């Protein structure tokens, strides 16, 4: 991943991270998940990354939607 991407959200719940990613994508912000949970115990975090240029807009969307 290049330096143009930044972490905008982290959770230990895969589904919460996926919801955040989907909301951002619905607002035309490219977002990807990094699943850092270990198999088979699913201990760890799932991160949502976006382009730096979209950081302020994404943060506003997350706050406005209370996610």
N, C-alpha and C. Protein backbone atom coordinates (compact mmCIF):
# COMPACT_ATOMS: atom_id res chain seq x y z
N UNK A 1 0.86 -1.17 0.00
CA UNK A 1 0.00 0.00 0.00
C UNK A 1 0.90 1.23 0.00
N UNK A 2 0.58 2.17 -0.81
CA UNK A 2 1.42 3.36 -0.93
C UNK A 2 1.15 4.33 0.22
N UNK A 3 1.97 5.36 0.28
CA UNK A 3 1.84 6.37 1.33
C UNK A 3 0.61 7.25 1.13
N UNK A 4 -0.09 7.10 0.02
CA UNK A 4 -1.29 7.89 -0.25
C UNK A 4 -2.50 7.39 0.52
N UNK A 5 -2.37 6.26 1.19
CA UNK A 5 -3.48 5.67 1.94
C UNK A 5 -3.26 5.89 3.43
N UNK A 6 -4.35 6.15 4.16
CA UNK A 6 -4.28 6.33 5.61
C UNK A 6 -5.41 5.54 6.28
N UNK A 7 -5.19 5.20 7.54
CA UNK A 7 -6.20 4.49 8.32
C UNK A 7 -7.21 5.51 8.84
N UNK A 8 -8.49 5.23 8.63
CA UNK A 8 -9.56 6.13 9.07
C UNK A 8 -10.39 5.48 10.18
N UNK A 9 -10.35 4.17 10.30
CA UNK A 9 -11.21 3.48 11.27
C UNK A 9 -10.59 2.15 11.65
N UNK A 10 -10.75 1.76 12.92
CA UNK A 10 -10.27 0.47 13.41
C UNK A 10 -11.30 -0.11 14.37
N UNK A 11 -11.52 -1.41 14.28
CA UNK A 11 -12.43 -2.09 15.19
C UNK A 11 -11.99 -3.54 15.33
N UNK A 12 -12.37 -4.16 16.45
CA UNK A 12 -12.12 -5.60 16.59
C UNK A 12 -13.30 -6.40 16.05
N UNK A 13 -14.30 -5.71 15.52
CA UNK A 13 -15.48 -6.33 14.93
C UNK A 13 -15.43 -6.15 13.41
N UNK A 14 -15.26 -7.25 12.69
CA UNK A 14 -15.15 -7.21 11.23
C UNK A 14 -16.35 -6.51 10.61
N UNK A 15 -17.55 -6.81 11.11
CA UNK A 15 -18.77 -6.28 10.50
C UNK A 15 -18.90 -4.77 10.67
N UNK A 16 -18.47 -4.24 11.82
CA UNK A 16 -18.50 -2.79 12.00
C UNK A 16 -17.58 -2.11 11.00
N UNK A 17 -16.40 -2.67 10.80
CA UNK A 17 -15.46 -2.11 9.83
C UNK A 17 -16.03 -2.19 8.42
N UNK A 18 -16.69 -3.28 8.11
CA UNK A 18 -17.28 -3.44 6.78
C UNK A 18 -18.41 -2.43 6.57
N UNK A 19 -19.19 -2.16 7.59
CA UNK A 19 -20.25 -1.15 7.48
C UNK A 19 -19.65 0.22 7.20
N UNK A 20 -18.59 0.57 7.91
CA UNK A 20 -17.92 1.85 7.67
C UNK A 20 -17.42 1.91 6.24
N UNK A 21 -16.78 0.84 5.77
CA UNK A 21 -16.28 0.80 4.40
C UNK A 21 -17.41 1.00 3.40
N UNK A 22 -18.52 0.31 3.60
CA UNK A 22 -19.64 0.41 2.68
C UNK A 22 -20.24 1.82 2.66
N UNK A 23 -20.37 2.44 3.81
CA UNK A 23 -20.90 3.81 3.88
C UNK A 23 -19.98 4.75 3.11
N UNK A 24 -18.68 4.60 3.29
CA UNK A 24 -17.73 5.47 2.57
C UNK A 24 -17.82 5.24 1.07
N UNK A 25 -17.92 4.00 0.65
CA UNK A 25 -18.03 3.69 -0.78
C UNK A 25 -19.32 4.29 -1.35
N UNK A 26 -20.40 4.26 -0.59
CA UNK A 26 -21.66 4.86 -1.04
C UNK A 26 -21.53 6.36 -1.25
N UNK A 27 -20.55 6.98 -0.56
CA UNK A 27 -20.30 8.41 -0.72
C UNK A 27 -19.11 8.67 -1.67
N UNK A 28 -18.85 7.69 -2.52
CA UNK A 28 -17.81 7.79 -3.56
C UNK A 28 -16.41 7.98 -3.00
N UNK A 29 -16.13 7.33 -1.87
CA UNK A 29 -14.79 7.33 -1.30
C UNK A 29 -14.28 5.90 -1.38
N UNK A 30 -13.18 5.72 -2.09
CA UNK A 30 -12.58 4.40 -2.21
C UNK A 30 -12.03 3.98 -0.85
N UNK A 31 -12.44 2.81 -0.36
CA UNK A 31 -12.01 2.33 0.95
C UNK A 31 -11.72 0.84 0.88
N UNK A 32 -10.70 0.42 1.62
CA UNK A 32 -10.33 -1.00 1.66
C UNK A 32 -10.18 -1.44 3.11
N UNK A 33 -10.40 -2.74 3.34
CA UNK A 33 -10.25 -3.33 4.66
C UNK A 33 -8.91 -4.04 4.76
N UNK A 34 -8.30 -3.95 5.93
CA UNK A 34 -7.14 -4.76 6.27
C UNK A 34 -7.52 -5.58 7.48
N UNK A 35 -7.71 -6.88 7.25
CA UNK A 35 -8.12 -7.78 8.33
C UNK A 35 -6.86 -8.31 9.00
N UNK A 36 -6.60 -7.83 10.21
CA UNK A 36 -5.42 -8.24 10.97
C UNK A 36 -5.79 -9.22 12.08
N UNK A 37 -6.97 -9.81 11.95
CA UNK A 37 -7.40 -10.79 12.94
C UNK A 37 -6.78 -12.14 12.61
N UNK A 38 -6.29 -12.80 13.63
CA UNK A 38 -5.65 -14.10 13.42
C UNK A 38 -6.67 -15.23 13.32
N UNK A 39 -6.38 -16.18 12.48
CA UNK A 39 -7.24 -17.35 12.32
C UNK A 39 -6.73 -18.42 13.26
N UNK A 40 -7.47 -19.19 13.94
CA UNK A 40 -8.92 -19.35 13.92
C UNK A 40 -9.63 -18.55 15.00
N UNK A 41 -8.89 -17.81 15.82
CA UNK A 41 -9.49 -17.19 17.00
C UNK A 41 -10.06 -15.79 16.75
N UNK A 42 -9.75 -15.20 15.63
CA UNK A 42 -10.26 -13.87 15.27
C UNK A 42 -9.94 -12.83 16.34
N UNK A 43 -8.69 -12.85 16.80
CA UNK A 43 -8.22 -11.86 17.76
C UNK A 43 -7.39 -10.84 16.99
N UNK A 44 -7.70 -9.57 17.17
CA UNK A 44 -6.98 -8.53 16.47
C UNK A 44 -7.95 -7.48 15.95
N UNK A 45 -7.49 -6.69 15.01
CA UNK A 45 -8.28 -5.57 14.52
C UNK A 45 -8.49 -5.63 13.02
N UNK A 46 -9.54 -4.96 12.60
CA UNK A 46 -9.82 -4.79 11.18
C UNK A 46 -9.79 -3.28 10.92
N UNK A 47 -8.95 -2.86 9.98
CA UNK A 47 -8.76 -1.44 9.70
C UNK A 47 -9.40 -1.06 8.37
N UNK A 48 -9.90 0.16 8.31
CA UNK A 48 -10.42 0.73 7.06
C UNK A 48 -9.43 1.81 6.62
N UNK A 49 -8.94 1.69 5.39
CA UNK A 49 -7.99 2.66 4.84
C UNK A 49 -8.61 3.38 3.65
N UNK A 50 -8.24 4.65 3.50
CA UNK A 50 -8.73 5.48 2.40
C UNK A 50 -7.57 6.31 1.86
N UNK A 51 -7.80 6.98 0.73
CA UNK A 51 -6.80 7.92 0.20
C UNK A 51 -6.72 9.14 1.12
N UNK A 52 -5.52 9.66 1.28
CA UNK A 52 -5.31 10.85 2.12
C UNK A 52 -6.21 12.01 1.71
N UNK A 53 -6.38 12.18 0.42
CA UNK A 53 -7.15 13.33 -0.08
C UNK A 53 -8.61 13.29 0.38
N UNK A 54 -9.12 12.10 0.74
CA UNK A 54 -10.51 11.95 1.16
C UNK A 54 -10.68 11.94 2.67
N UNK A 55 -9.61 12.17 3.43
CA UNK A 55 -9.65 12.01 4.88
C UNK A 55 -10.71 12.89 5.54
N UNK A 56 -10.70 14.18 5.26
CA UNK A 56 -11.65 15.10 5.91
C UNK A 56 -13.09 14.76 5.57
N UNK A 57 -13.35 14.47 4.31
CA UNK A 57 -14.71 14.11 3.89
C UNK A 57 -15.15 12.81 4.57
N UNK A 58 -14.27 11.83 4.63
CA UNK A 58 -14.60 10.54 5.25
C UNK A 58 -14.86 10.70 6.74
N UNK A 59 -14.03 11.49 7.40
CA UNK A 59 -14.22 11.71 8.83
C UNK A 59 -15.57 12.38 9.10
N UNK A 60 -15.92 13.34 8.28
CA UNK A 60 -17.21 14.02 8.41
C UNK A 60 -18.37 13.04 8.23
N UNK A 61 -18.25 12.14 7.27
CA UNK A 61 -19.29 11.14 7.02
C UNK A 61 -19.42 10.19 8.20
N UNK A 62 -18.30 9.73 8.73
CA UNK A 62 -18.32 8.82 9.88
C UNK A 62 -18.98 9.50 11.09
N UNK A 63 -18.62 10.74 11.34
CA UNK A 63 -19.19 11.48 12.48
C UNK A 63 -20.69 11.73 12.27
N UNK A 64 -21.03 12.19 11.09
CA UNK A 64 -22.44 12.50 10.79
C UNK A 64 -23.33 11.27 10.91
N UNK A 65 -22.81 10.12 10.51
CA UNK A 65 -23.60 8.87 10.56
C UNK A 65 -23.44 8.12 11.87
N UNK A 66 -22.65 8.67 12.79
CA UNK A 66 -22.43 8.08 14.11
C UNK A 66 -22.01 6.62 14.02
N UNK A 67 -21.04 6.36 13.17
CA UNK A 67 -20.52 4.99 13.04
C UNK A 67 -19.07 4.93 13.49
